[in-house]
Every structure is written in structure tokens, then in C-alpha cells.
Amino acid sequence: MKAILILCDTVNRRMLEFYGGKDAAFTPNLSRLAKKSVVFDSHWCGSAPCMPARKDLMTGRLSFLEKPWGGMEPYDQTLQQVLQEKNVHSMLFSDHAHYLIPGGENYTKGFTAWDVYRGQEGDPWCVQPDETGIRKEQRPEGWKGEYSESEAANRRRFQTEYDYPSVKTMYHAARWLKENHEADNFFLWVESFDPHEPYDAPRHYLDLYEKDGEYEGTDFTHPDYQPNIFDEKETRHLRNRYKALLTMTDRHIGEILEVMDRHDMWKDTMVIFTTDHGFHLGEHGLMAKNYMAPYNEVFHIPLMIYHPDIRPGRCAAVTENIDVMPTLMEYFGVGEKSLINPIHGKNLFPLLKGEKDKVREGAIFGYYGKQVGYTDGRYTYFRAAKDEANRPLYLYTAIPSLLRQYLGGNDGVKTEDYDKIEMGRYLSWTDYPVYRFPADIIHFGNPSQEFSSRSEFNRESLLFDLREDYAQEHPIQDGELELQIREGLRRCMEEHDAPPEQYERLGM
């Protein structure tokens, strides 16, 4: 048996033609895969952003109620590990450099083999020193958005399309598939960092969306993580650049599909396409992700599954990224007895086969330490912390790392606060001892993911009707309905092993 997971970072569902996007990008390869697949209409990211979402995918468990960005824990059991019990060869191709830095520890554990291509975003790959030593950051005059000398140095390396890291990733994955198409019992995880920002692609892709002379402003490529500071034309240009990058990504996904065509692999290979999360490009007056409420733009994500023996169609059931692991376990015949930890994900085969119309009552999602989101498929509800202190809040981990930093050495935690760190068996679902860090002593070096207090962007509990207000612009004021939905949230938190202080933090 063979399976391929294609995971592209930051795919906006609203820009895909097969999801009815009014501002859709040109993605012919994804569209043709969708015609062969079951397309899921109510699929959700659980934990965001990038590495928390991957943790959910690989472990079948939600992580955002216990920790933010961080390494794969020693007590975590991954999909690729359990597949070993069925002698399944697993191969990872990626250009996601976060696998190689603090906060990305151990995500490759269990893969039979893996490869990561360098040079995306600000990956410190090839920046040069200046005459004083470490090169100083010098933003171009008039520049808006994110900028770094590392990112600029990386982009100067891209002379041809096949120099781009995501293109290298897809190319080498397609070559691997061609070389191994006669093999059996393998799982190929193909992961493109694109269309994550910066929106850098060869000019001919942008020409599909902007006529020559249509935009004459600064060629911005990288929105920053704050409310939208770009004017209307600049915002439109950023959206066009995003679509150009999505189209380039789609083109090289096509290389993988062409190998499947050439070697008749559709008869015995399962294919899953999804993303980790979406992105704001001006909606709600916002750019990027992380700091705001868990709106649809980030958390309502695409999923499609192709299986040789299952008819294509649509599925309206509520599903979540944690469901990918048990679905692939079912496909490869790995039973639950192989699991050392209970998982939260649900096997999607009963939906694919039409045996059930739902596998879960609802889904919870969010960013660590901010609002907790919930949906039953009709409504979305964001439950805010009861007060600005955002307490009690603890971080649980055996690997004390965050994005690009460790919780110690006067970096993430000051030495004088070490005595506030506890260790014990605090998690209800594992006996493995973990550190418990009170949020008060943690200094996260990434401002957009900061959880030190309840911010202006997530101070309110909000309820929306997805049928009447998918854009989530008009919160519902209905006390009785909110009580019903809040009860669904509470049950869902219990099912997902929420630490007890989370209920207190949320005033529940």
C-alpha cells in the first residue's frame, strides 16, 4: 500500500477554485486532484501556527491547550513511528527550516529518511558578515512589512525557478516517487513552505494577476504581523503576489501528479492534500496570523483525500487536522493497540465510505493562551479569557523550547525565576513527568504569539453564524444560544484533555 501526504504551508481556502473562491488563484493541478477526491467542506486546523499544526498532524492530538510552539516531546508518539510496526517506509521532503531550529526538535523522529532544503524566509542560511562582524539590519527606505538581511540574502540566490526551495522540494519528491514507484508499503510526506510569505516567485507568475503598469508602487512581498498598514492598491498587490506563489506551488505539485499518471499509481495510492493553516490578507483589517481571534481565514482549511476505491464527492462533516493520523493508520492496517497514548483524532474512512455522516460533534481550535475556538459546523464561538490577566495559565513540556529560543539562560526565562518552575506528572493522559512553567515568567521572543496577557485583539467572546455570516463580521448577541454552544465547547475541551486551569482562565 502507498500513501502520499502533500502539505503546503499557509494555503488560503478562499483562494481555491474548488472551494468556490471569488478571488481564486489559478491552481489547475489541485483542481484536477479535487475532481478525483473527496473534498471536505468543514475541515479545521486545531493548533496554530506552523509547528503546533504539524504536531497535531503527526500525533493525532491537540497541543494548543498545553503549550505553544515547541519541540516534539519524548512522550509523543508520531504517525511515522506507528507505521514502522507495519514495516512502512516513510520519507519526508520539506523546505520548512523550522525543523532545524529550537522549537522544531524531534519532528523528524520516526521517518525512515528525510531531507530539508534551505533558504526560505529568514532562514539563516547564507547571510554574509559586514566590515564590523554581524551584518546590521538595514530596511530599504519606504519599505513596509517584514524585512531581514537573511531573507534578502536567500532571495539573491534564486536565479532560476528550480533554485527556489519549495520547487526543489517538489522536484526531489517527484524524482523519489519516480525512482520508487514499483516499491510498496511506503508513506511519502511532501511539504512545501510555499505559499507562506514572503510572496516571492518568478515574474511570469505575477503577470497572470497584474498587467504591466497596473501596479507601480513598491514591490512589497512580506506582510507583517499587525493590523493592515498597506493601502488598498498595496493590499491588492500583496494578494496578487500570494496568488502568484500559490500558482507556482501548484505547478510543481503537478510534477508529483504527473509521476502518478505516468506509472498508473492512481490504482494503488492514497493521496491527501491539506495545509497547516491560512492567513489574513486584509480581512478584518488585519494581516498575517497569531495575534488575532481564531477567524476562518486561518482555521478553516482545505482537505481532500483521494482513494482508489472511493468515489469522489463532498463531505460536510466537521473534521480536524488531528484526524489525518488515525485515517492513515486505518489505511495501513495499524490498530489502536499500537498507540501508547490516547489520541483525539477520528478515522475518516466511515465518512469516505458513506457509512456515517459525522465522526465528531464539534472541533476546538486556537492559539495557545488566547481565545479557544469551537465549531459545530453551523456556528463558530471564540471564548475569551475572563479578564485581562489571562490567568491561570501554565505551559507543560519536557523540552523547554519555543520558536528560536529556550526557556532558560535569561532568554525565555530569567535565572531568578528558575525556582518557579515545577516538575511532576501534571498531564492527565501520560505518566511522563513534565516541567510546568507559569506563564508569568515566560518571555516569548515572538510578539505575535505573546500570551503574557489578554490583548486588545482577543479580549471578547464572539459567536458567529457561518451560514449567514461566513466572513464573521456580525457577532450574534443571543444569550441562550451562547450557553448551548459554550456547553459544546466545554464537552469538547474535556474530550481533548484540557488542563483544569484552562476552564478557570476562560471563566467556565
Protein backbone atom coordinates (compact mmCIF):
# COMPACT_ATOMS: atom_id res chain seq x y z
CA MET A 1 0.00 0.00 0.00
CA LYS A 2 1.19 3.50 -0.79
CA ALA A 3 0.19 6.92 0.51
CA ILE A 4 1.26 10.48 -0.22
CA LEU A 5 0.56 13.48 2.00
CA ILE A 6 1.02 16.84 0.28
CA LEU A 7 1.19 19.56 2.93
CA CYS A 8 1.54 23.15 1.73
CA ASP A 9 2.04 25.92 4.27
CA THR A 10 -0.48 28.79 4.50
CA VAL A 11 -2.98 27.78 1.82
CA ASN A 12 -5.96 30.13 1.94
CA ARG A 13 -9.09 28.08 1.34
CA ARG A 14 -10.91 31.14 -0.04
CA MET A 15 -8.42 31.34 -2.93
CA LEU A 16 -9.10 27.82 -4.21
CA GLU A 17 -11.47 27.39 -7.13
CA PHE A 18 -12.89 24.10 -5.86
CA TYR A 19 -13.94 25.83 -2.63
CA GLY A 20 -15.81 28.48 -4.60
CA GLY A 21 -13.24 31.20 -4.03
CA LYS A 22 -14.39 34.51 -5.53
CA ASP A 23 -10.76 35.65 -5.71
CA ALA A 24 -9.31 32.28 -6.67
CA ALA A 25 -5.79 31.64 -7.86
CA PHE A 26 -5.02 29.54 -10.93
CA THR A 27 -4.43 26.06 -9.49
CA PRO A 28 -5.21 23.52 -12.25
CA ASN A 29 -3.36 20.63 -10.59
CA LEU A 30 -5.11 20.98 -7.25
CA SER A 31 -8.40 21.36 -9.09
CA ARG A 32 -7.88 18.13 -11.02
CA LEU A 33 -6.91 16.33 -7.81
CA ALA A 34 -10.09 17.67 -6.22
CA LYS A 35 -12.19 16.15 -9.02
CA LYS A 36 -10.75 12.74 -8.14
CA SER A 37 -11.09 13.18 -4.37
CA VAL A 38 -13.49 13.60 -1.51
CA VAL A 39 -13.32 17.31 -0.66
CA PHE A 40 -14.03 18.21 2.96
CA ASP A 41 -16.04 21.39 3.43
CA SER A 42 -15.85 21.77 7.22
CA HIS A 43 -12.22 20.96 7.98
CA TRP A 44 -10.34 22.83 10.69
CA CYS A 45 -6.81 23.45 11.91
CA GLY A 46 -6.57 22.56 15.60
CA SER A 47 -3.39 24.17 16.93
CA ALA A 48 -1.69 27.05 15.15
CA PRO A 49 0.64 28.24 13.77
CA CYS A 50 3.18 26.14 11.82
CA MET A 51 4.85 23.67 14.20
CA PRO A 52 1.85 23.26 16.54
CA ALA A 53 -0.22 22.31 13.48
CA ARG A 54 2.39 19.75 12.43
CA LYS A 55 2.42 18.34 15.93
CA ASP A 56 -1.35 17.82 15.67
CA LEU A 57 -0.98 16.10 12.28
CA MET A 58 1.81 13.80 13.43
CA THR A 59 0.41 12.84 16.85
CA GLY A 60 -3.36 12.91 16.36
CA ARG A 61 -3.62 15.06 19.49
CA LEU A 62 -4.36 18.76 20.04
CA SER A 63 -1.45 20.61 21.63
CA PHE A 64 -2.50 24.26 21.92
CA LEU A 65 -4.13 23.85 25.35
CA GLU A 66 -0.83 22.65 26.83
CA LYS A 67 1.92 24.56 25.06
CA PRO A 68 2.63 26.96 22.20
CA TRP A 69 5.31 26.44 19.56
CA GLY A 70 7.79 23.79 20.72
CA GLY A 71 9.56 20.52 20.06
CA MET A 72 8.07 17.07 19.66
CA GLU A 73 8.03 15.68 23.19
CA PRO A 74 9.81 12.46 24.21
CA TYR A 75 6.44 11.06 25.27
CA ASP A 76 4.78 11.89 21.95
CA GLN A 77 4.20 9.04 19.52
CA THR A 78 4.11 10.06 15.88
CA LEU A 79 2.34 8.68 12.84
CA GLN A 80 5.64 7.78 11.22
CA GLN A 81 6.64 5.82 14.34
CA VAL A 82 3.50 3.70 14.46
CA LEU A 83 3.78 2.99 10.73
CA GLN A 84 7.12 1.30 11.44
CA GLU A 85 5.19 -1.53 13.10
CA LYS A 86 3.73 -2.40 9.69
CA ASN A 87 7.13 -2.09 8.02
CA VAL A 88 6.04 1.09 6.22
CA HIS A 89 8.92 3.10 4.77
CA SER A 90 8.31 6.81 5.48
CA MET A 91 10.07 9.61 3.59
CA LEU A 92 9.90 13.37 4.33
CA PHE A 93 10.77 16.08 1.82
CA SER A 94 10.46 19.65 3.12
CA ASP A 95 11.83 23.15 2.84
CA HIS A 96 10.43 24.17 6.22
CA ALA A 97 13.58 25.35 8.03
CA HIS A 98 11.79 25.36 11.37
CA TYR A 99 12.62 21.64 11.57
CA LEU A 100 16.25 22.70 12.07
CA ILE A 101 15.97 25.32 14.84
CA PRO A 102 14.94 25.49 18.52
CA GLY A 103 11.25 24.77 18.72
CA GLY A 104 11.44 22.21 15.93
CA GLU A 105 13.21 19.41 17.79
CA ASN A 106 12.39 15.78 17.04
CA TYR A 107 9.71 16.28 14.37
CA THR A 108 11.68 14.02 12.05
CA LYS A 109 11.81 11.16 14.54
CA GLY A 110 10.32 8.00 13.15
CA PHE A 111 10.82 8.87 9.47
CA THR A 112 12.87 6.23 7.70
CA ALA A 113 14.60 9.01 5.79
CA TRP A 114 14.19 12.76 5.42
CA ASP A 115 15.55 15.81 3.62
CA VAL A 116 15.13 19.55 4.23
CA TYR A 117 16.05 22.25 1.70
CA ARG A 118 17.38 25.57 2.96
CA GLY A 119 16.65 29.20 2.11
CA GLN A 120 13.02 30.01 2.91
CA GLU A 121 12.00 33.30 4.52
CA GLY A 122 14.66 34.43 7.05
CA ASP A 123 16.33 31.01 7.33
CA PRO A 124 19.91 31.95 8.40
CA TRP A 125 21.47 30.06 5.55
CA CYS A 126 23.85 32.33 3.64
CA VAL A 127 23.86 35.89 5.04
CA GLN A 128 27.36 37.36 4.95
CA PRO A 129 29.18 39.44 7.61
CA ASP A 130 29.93 43.12 7.06
CA GLU A 131 33.09 45.05 7.94
CA THR A 132 32.12 45.13 11.64
CA GLY A 133 31.09 41.48 12.05
CA ILE A 134 27.39 40.61 12.25
CA ARG A 135 25.60 42.36 9.42
CA LYS A 136 23.22 45.05 10.64
CA GLU A 137 19.60 45.05 9.54
CA GLN A 138 19.03 47.89 7.05
CA ARG A 139 15.47 48.16 5.85
CA PRO A 140 15.11 49.74 2.41
CA GLU A 141 13.70 53.25 2.55
CA GLY A 142 9.91 53.26 2.40
CA TRP A 143 9.67 49.51 2.97
CA LYS A 144 6.55 48.18 4.66
CA GLY A 145 6.27 44.75 6.21
CA GLU A 146 8.80 42.18 7.36
CA TYR A 147 12.41 42.52 6.27
CA SER A 148 15.65 40.79 7.23
CA GLU A 149 19.15 40.63 5.80
CA SER A 150 18.90 36.82 5.90
CA GLU A 151 15.78 36.83 3.77
CA ALA A 152 17.35 39.26 1.28
CA ALA A 153 20.49 37.11 1.06
CA ASN A 154 18.42 33.98 0.43
CA ARG A 155 16.44 35.61 -2.35
CA ARG A 156 19.60 36.71 -4.14
CA ARG A 157 20.45 33.00 -4.53
CA PHE A 158 17.30 32.34 -6.58
CA GLN A 159 18.45 32.71 -10.19
CA THR A 160 16.13 30.16 -11.78
CA GLU A 161 12.79 28.71 -10.74
CA TYR A 162 14.46 25.48 -9.65
CA ASP A 163 16.60 27.39 -7.17
CA TYR A 164 13.52 28.13 -5.04
CA PRO A 165 13.46 25.80 -2.00
CA SER A 166 9.81 24.75 -2.43
CA VAL A 167 10.45 23.91 -6.09
CA LYS A 168 13.48 21.84 -5.06
CA THR A 169 11.28 20.04 -2.53
CA MET A 170 8.59 19.13 -5.07
CA TYR A 171 11.13 18.23 -7.74
CA HIS A 172 13.07 15.86 -5.49
CA ALA A 173 9.86 14.34 -4.12
CA ALA A 174 8.66 13.68 -7.67
CA ARG A 175 12.03 12.18 -8.60
CA TRP A 176 11.93 9.95 -5.49
CA LEU A 177 8.43 8.83 -6.43
CA LYS A 178 9.54 8.03 -9.97
CA GLU A 179 12.50 6.02 -8.68
CA ASN A 180 10.35 4.11 -6.18
CA HIS A 181 7.02 3.77 -7.95
CA GLU A 182 7.40 -0.03 -8.09
CA ALA A 183 8.07 -0.25 -4.34
CA ASP A 184 5.27 -0.94 -1.90
CA ASN A 185 4.40 -0.11 1.67
CA PHE A 186 5.63 3.47 1.71
CA PHE A 187 4.37 6.81 3.01
CA LEU A 188 5.65 9.94 1.30
CA TRP A 189 5.27 13.23 3.22
CA VAL A 190 5.82 16.11 0.76
CA GLU A 191 5.84 19.50 2.42
CA SER A 192 6.19 22.86 0.70
CA PHE A 193 6.78 26.00 2.77
CA ASP A 194 5.13 27.97 -0.03
CA PRO A 195 2.76 29.75 -0.35
CA HIS A 196 3.93 31.02 3.07
CA GLU A 197 5.25 34.57 2.98
CA PRO A 198 7.42 36.11 1.54
CA TYR A 199 5.44 36.04 -1.70
CA ASP A 200 8.44 35.60 -3.95
CA ALA A 201 8.00 33.87 -7.30
CA PRO A 202 9.33 34.48 -10.82
CA ARG A 203 7.70 37.45 -12.53
CA HIS A 204 5.76 35.39 -15.08
CA TYR A 205 3.53 34.07 -12.28
CA LEU A 206 2.68 37.58 -11.10
CA ASP A 207 1.90 38.53 -14.71
CA LEU A 208 -1.10 36.20 -14.51
CA TYR A 209 -2.67 38.54 -11.96
CA GLU A 210 -1.21 42.00 -12.64
CA LYS A 211 -0.99 43.55 -16.08
CA ASP A 212 2.12 45.54 -16.88
CA GLY A 213 1.78 49.01 -15.40
CA GLU A 214 -1.30 48.13 -13.36
CA TYR A 215 0.64 48.50 -10.11
CA GLU A 216 3.51 50.96 -9.91
CA GLY A 217 4.15 51.05 -6.17
CA THR A 218 6.86 49.36 -4.13
CA ASP A 219 7.06 45.65 -4.77
CA PHE A 220 6.11 44.52 -1.26
CA THR A 221 6.29 40.77 -0.68
CA HIS A 222 6.09 40.15 3.07
CA PRO A 223 3.18 41.37 5.23
CA ASP A 224 3.99 41.92 8.88
CA TYR A 225 2.10 40.56 11.86
CA GLN A 226 -0.09 43.51 12.79
CA PRO A 227 -3.21 45.33 11.58
CA ASN A 228 -3.03 46.16 7.87
CA ILE A 229 -0.74 49.13 7.21
CA PHE A 230 -0.94 48.81 3.41
CA ASP A 231 -3.22 50.96 1.30
CA GLU A 232 -5.84 49.43 -0.99
CA LYS A 233 -3.56 49.11 -4.05
CA GLU A 234 -0.70 47.71 -1.98
CA THR A 235 -3.02 45.18 -0.34
CA ARG A 236 -4.29 44.10 -3.75
CA HIS A 237 -0.67 43.73 -4.90
CA LEU A 238 0.13 41.51 -1.91
CA ARG A 239 -2.91 39.35 -2.68
CA ASN A 240 -1.75 39.05 -6.29
CA ARG A 241 1.74 38.10 -5.14
CA TYR A 242 0.24 35.47 -2.83
CA LYS A 243 -1.79 34.02 -5.71
CA ALA A 244 1.31 34.01 -7.93
CA LEU A 245 3.19 31.98 -5.34
CA LEU A 246 0.24 29.60 -4.91
CA THR A 247 0.19 29.08 -8.68
CA MET A 248 3.92 28.29 -8.70
CA THR A 249 3.37 25.81 -5.88
CA ASP A 250 0.50 24.21 -7.80
CA ARG A 251 2.64 23.86 -10.92
CA HIS A 252 5.20 21.77 -9.07
CA ILE A 253 2.58 19.72 -7.25
CA GLY A 254 1.74 18.82 -10.82
CA GLU A 255 5.14 17.15 -11.18
CA ILE A 256 4.14 14.68 -8.48
CA LEU A 257 0.77 14.04 -10.10
CA GLU A 258 2.46 13.52 -13.48
CA VAL A 259 4.58 10.72 -12.00
CA MET A 260 1.38 9.12 -10.74
CA ASP A 261 -0.15 9.45 -14.21
CA ARG A 262 2.91 8.03 -15.99
CA HIS A 263 3.17 4.98 -13.75
CA ASP A 264 -0.54 4.34 -13.20
CA MET A 265 -0.19 4.91 -9.46
CA TRP A 266 -3.79 6.07 -9.02
CA LYS A 267 -4.84 2.41 -8.86
CA ASP A 268 -2.99 1.69 -5.59
CA THR A 269 -2.03 5.00 -3.93
CA MET A 270 -3.90 7.18 -1.47
CA VAL A 271 -3.29 10.95 -1.75
CA ILE A 272 -4.09 13.57 0.89
CA PHE A 273 -3.76 17.30 0.31
CA THR A 274 -4.07 19.86 3.10
CA THR A 275 -2.38 22.83 4.76
CA ASP A 276 -1.31 23.74 8.26
CA HIS A 277 -3.31 27.00 8.47
CA GLY A 278 -4.42 30.01 6.44
CA PHE A 279 -3.55 33.71 6.57
CA HIS A 280 -5.16 37.15 6.75
CA LEU A 281 -4.62 39.43 3.77
CA GLY A 282 -6.61 42.45 4.87
CA GLU A 283 -9.75 40.72 6.17
CA HIS A 284 -10.99 42.25 9.45
CA GLY A 285 -8.42 44.98 8.77
CA LEU A 286 -5.64 42.51 9.68
CA MET A 287 -2.55 40.97 8.20
CA ALA A 288 -0.95 37.61 8.95
CA LYS A 289 -1.89 35.35 11.89
CA ASN A 290 -1.29 34.55 15.59
CA TYR A 291 -2.24 37.73 17.42
CA MET A 292 -5.93 37.94 16.49
CA ALA A 293 -9.05 35.91 17.20
CA PRO A 294 -9.15 32.47 15.53
CA TYR A 295 -11.10 33.58 12.46
CA ASN A 296 -11.96 31.38 9.47
CA GLU A 297 -9.17 32.95 7.42
CA VAL A 298 -6.63 30.96 9.46
CA PHE A 299 -8.50 27.99 10.93
CA HIS A 300 -11.00 26.87 8.25
CA ILE A 301 -8.65 24.98 5.95
CA PRO A 302 -8.73 22.73 2.86
CA LEU A 303 -8.61 18.95 2.93
CA MET A 304 -9.10 16.46 0.14
CA ILE A 305 -8.49 12.74 0.11
CA TYR A 306 -8.10 10.51 -2.93
CA HIS A 307 -8.51 6.75 -2.53
CA PRO A 308 -8.60 4.31 -5.47
CA ASP A 309 -11.75 2.57 -4.20
CA ILE A 310 -13.75 5.61 -3.05
CA ARG A 311 -15.92 7.76 -5.28
CA PRO A 312 -15.13 11.47 -5.41
CA GLY A 313 -17.55 13.93 -3.85
CA ARG A 314 -18.01 16.39 -1.00
CA CYS A 315 -18.16 15.83 2.75
CA ALA A 316 -19.94 18.30 5.03
CA ALA A 317 -18.97 16.66 8.34
CA VAL A 318 -16.84 18.56 10.86
CA THR A 319 -13.28 17.24 10.67
CA GLU A 320 -9.94 18.41 12.05
CA ASN A 321 -6.24 18.10 11.26
CA ILE A 322 -5.79 15.55 14.07
CA ASP A 323 -7.96 13.15 12.02
CA VAL A 324 -5.21 12.60 9.43
CA MET A 325 -3.15 10.30 11.67
CA PRO A 326 -5.88 7.73 12.53
CA THR A 327 -7.08 7.78 8.91
CA LEU A 328 -3.64 6.79 7.64
CA MET A 329 -3.35 4.22 10.43
CA GLU A 330 -6.56 2.63 9.17
CA TYR A 331 -5.28 2.69 5.59
CA PHE A 332 -2.06 0.87 6.53
CA GLY A 333 -3.81 -1.50 8.94
CA VAL A 334 -2.26 -0.18 12.14
CA GLY A 335 -4.54 -0.90 15.08
CA GLU A 336 -5.12 1.22 18.19
CA LYS A 337 -3.14 -1.33 20.24
CA SER A 338 -0.03 0.22 18.71
CA LEU A 339 -0.72 3.52 20.46
CA ILE A 340 0.97 4.32 23.76
CA ASN A 341 -1.11 7.50 24.20
CA PRO A 342 -4.80 8.11 23.64
CA ILE A 343 -5.39 10.27 20.56
CA HIS A 344 -8.05 12.86 19.81
CA GLY A 345 -8.30 12.28 16.06
CA LYS A 346 -11.05 10.32 14.33
CA ASN A 347 -10.67 7.84 11.50
CA LEU A 348 -12.29 9.43 8.42
CA PHE A 349 -12.95 6.22 6.49
CA PRO A 350 -16.56 5.94 7.73
CA LEU A 351 -17.14 9.35 6.10
CA LEU A 352 -15.22 8.45 2.95
CA LYS A 353 -17.26 5.27 2.53
CA GLY A 354 -20.57 6.95 3.32
CA GLU A 355 -21.13 4.77 6.39
CA LYS A 356 -21.55 7.79 8.70
CA ASP A 357 -22.48 11.43 8.24
CA LYS A 358 -20.27 12.61 11.12
CA VAL A 359 -17.42 11.39 13.32
CA ARG A 360 -17.38 14.27 15.83
CA GLU A 361 -19.92 16.67 17.27
CA GLY A 362 -17.59 19.63 17.04
CA ALA A 363 -13.99 20.80 16.88
CA ILE A 364 -11.93 23.10 19.09
CA PHE A 365 -9.04 25.18 17.83
CA GLY A 366 -6.87 28.16 18.61
CA TYR A 367 -3.57 29.70 19.58
CA TYR A 368 -2.02 28.88 22.95
CA GLY A 369 -3.05 31.30 25.69
CA LYS A 370 -5.62 33.17 23.59
CA GLN A 371 -9.28 32.55 22.81
CA VAL A 372 -10.38 28.94 22.45
CA GLY A 373 -12.43 28.44 19.30
CA TYR A 374 -15.23 25.93 18.82
CA THR A 375 -17.44 24.97 15.90
CA ASP A 376 -20.29 22.54 15.45
CA GLY A 377 -20.30 23.18 11.70
CA ARG A 378 -23.03 25.81 11.86
CA TYR A 379 -21.66 28.23 14.44
CA THR A 380 -18.20 29.32 15.49
CA TYR A 381 -17.57 30.52 19.02
CA PHE A 382 -14.45 32.16 20.42
CA ARG A 383 -14.24 32.00 24.20
CA ALA A 384 -12.01 34.73 25.65
CA ALA A 385 -10.17 34.75 28.95
CA LYS A 386 -12.36 36.03 31.77
CA ASP A 387 -10.10 39.01 32.47
CA GLU A 388 -7.05 40.85 31.15
CA ALA A 389 -4.65 38.92 33.41
CA ASN A 390 -5.27 35.77 31.32
CA ARG A 391 -4.58 33.55 34.31
CA PRO A 392 -4.15 30.85 35.46
CA LEU A 393 -2.06 29.63 32.54
CA TYR A 394 0.70 27.02 32.53
CA LEU A 395 2.97 25.67 29.83
CA TYR A 396 3.70 21.92 30.01
CA THR A 397 6.74 20.42 28.34
CA ALA A 398 9.72 18.10 28.72
CA ILE A 399 11.64 20.03 26.05
CA PRO A 400 11.62 23.68 27.18
CA SER A 401 11.85 25.40 23.80
CA LEU A 402 9.82 27.99 21.93
CA LEU A 403 10.30 29.43 18.46
CA ARG A 404 14.07 30.12 18.16
CA GLN A 405 14.63 30.16 21.92
CA TYR A 406 14.88 28.02 25.04
CA LEU A 407 13.20 28.59 28.38
CA GLY A 408 16.34 29.40 30.30
CA GLY A 409 19.62 31.26 30.33
CA ASN A 410 17.93 34.65 30.70
CA ASP A 411 16.34 34.14 27.28
CA GLY A 412 12.83 32.72 27.61
CA VAL A 413 13.06 32.54 31.42
CA LYS A 414 15.32 34.58 33.71
CA THR A 415 17.61 32.72 36.06
CA GLU A 416 15.99 34.30 39.13
CA ASP A 417 12.68 32.67 38.11
CA TYR A 418 14.01 29.11 37.97
CA ASP A 419 12.54 28.36 41.40
CA LYS A 420 9.04 28.92 39.97
CA ILE A 421 9.45 26.02 37.51
CA GLU A 422 7.89 22.80 38.80
CA MET A 423 8.18 19.23 37.63
CA GLY A 424 5.68 16.43 38.04
CA ARG A 425 3.04 14.25 36.41
CA TYR A 426 0.63 17.06 35.56
CA LEU A 427 -0.89 15.78 32.31
CA SER A 428 -3.91 13.52 32.66
CA TRP A 429 -3.11 11.40 29.61
CA THR A 430 0.54 10.43 30.26
CA ASP A 431 2.61 9.47 33.31
CA TYR A 432 5.70 11.10 31.83
CA PRO A 433 6.94 13.87 34.16
CA VAL A 434 6.94 17.34 32.61
CA TYR A 435 8.04 20.84 33.51
CA ARG A 436 5.23 23.19 34.42
CA PHE A 437 6.05 26.82 33.65
CA PRO A 438 3.74 29.56 34.92
CA ALA A 439 3.05 31.91 32.02
CA ASP A 440 4.10 34.87 34.18
CA ILE A 441 7.81 34.01 33.93
CA ILE A 442 7.98 33.27 30.19
CA HIS A 443 9.31 35.91 27.81
CA PHE A 444 8.38 34.81 24.28
CA GLY A 445 10.62 36.43 21.71
CA ASN A 446 7.88 36.31 19.08
CA PRO A 447 5.49 39.24 19.76
CA SER A 448 2.66 37.92 17.58
CA GLN A 449 2.42 34.76 19.72
CA GLU A 450 2.86 36.51 23.07
CA PHE A 451 0.44 35.28 25.77
CA SER A 452 1.54 37.34 28.77
CA SER A 453 -1.91 38.95 28.99
CA ARG A 454 -5.19 39.15 27.11
CA SER A 455 -4.63 41.58 24.25
CA GLU A 456 -6.97 44.01 22.51
CA PHE A 457 -7.32 41.53 19.65
CA ASN A 458 -8.73 38.66 21.72
CA ARG A 459 -10.49 40.23 24.67
CA GLU A 460 -14.04 39.35 23.56
CA SER A 461 -16.04 36.14 23.42
CA LEU A 462 -17.62 36.09 19.95
CA LEU A 463 -20.35 33.94 18.37
CA PHE A 464 -20.96 33.75 14.59
CA ASP A 465 -23.43 32.00 12.30
CA LEU A 466 -21.39 30.51 9.45
CA ARG A 467 -24.38 30.22 7.12
CA GLU A 468 -25.48 33.82 7.47
CA ASP A 469 -22.13 35.48 8.18
CA TYR A 470 -19.21 33.40 6.94
CA ALA A 471 -16.99 36.50 6.93
CA GLN A 472 -17.55 36.71 10.71
CA GLU A 473 -18.31 40.42 10.66
CA HIS A 474 -21.52 40.45 12.73
CA PRO A 475 -21.31 38.72 16.14
CA ILE A 476 -24.55 37.22 17.42
CA GLN A 477 -25.97 38.54 20.68
CA ASP A 478 -28.06 35.58 21.88
CA GLY A 479 -27.50 34.52 25.49
CA GLU A 480 -29.42 31.24 25.27
CA LEU A 481 -27.67 30.16 22.08
CA GLU A 482 -24.29 31.10 23.55
CA LEU A 483 -24.97 28.90 26.59
CA GLN A 484 -25.72 25.94 24.29
CA ILE A 485 -22.60 26.47 22.22
CA ARG A 486 -20.50 27.05 25.32
CA GLU A 487 -21.64 23.68 26.66
CA GLY A 488 -20.49 22.09 23.39
CA LEU A 489 -17.12 23.80 23.86
CA ARG A 490 -16.85 22.51 27.42
CA ARG A 491 -17.58 18.91 26.37
CA CYS A 492 -15.09 19.19 23.54
CA MET A 493 -12.39 20.52 25.87
CA GLU A 494 -12.97 17.55 28.19
CA GLU A 495 -12.66 15.14 25.26
CA HIS A 496 -9.35 16.76 24.33
CA ASP A 497 -7.78 16.54 27.82
CA ALA A 498 -7.79 20.27 28.55
CA PRO A 499 -5.74 21.09 31.68
CA PRO A 500 -8.08 22.10 34.52
CA GLU A 501 -6.82 25.69 34.77
CA GLN A 502 -7.97 26.38 31.21
CA TYR A 503 -11.61 26.27 32.36
CA GLU A 504 -10.82 28.78 35.11
CA ARG A 505 -8.90 31.05 32.71
CA LEU A 506 -11.91 31.10 30.40
CA GLY A 507 -14.42 31.70 33.18
CA MET A 508 -16.04 28.31 32.63
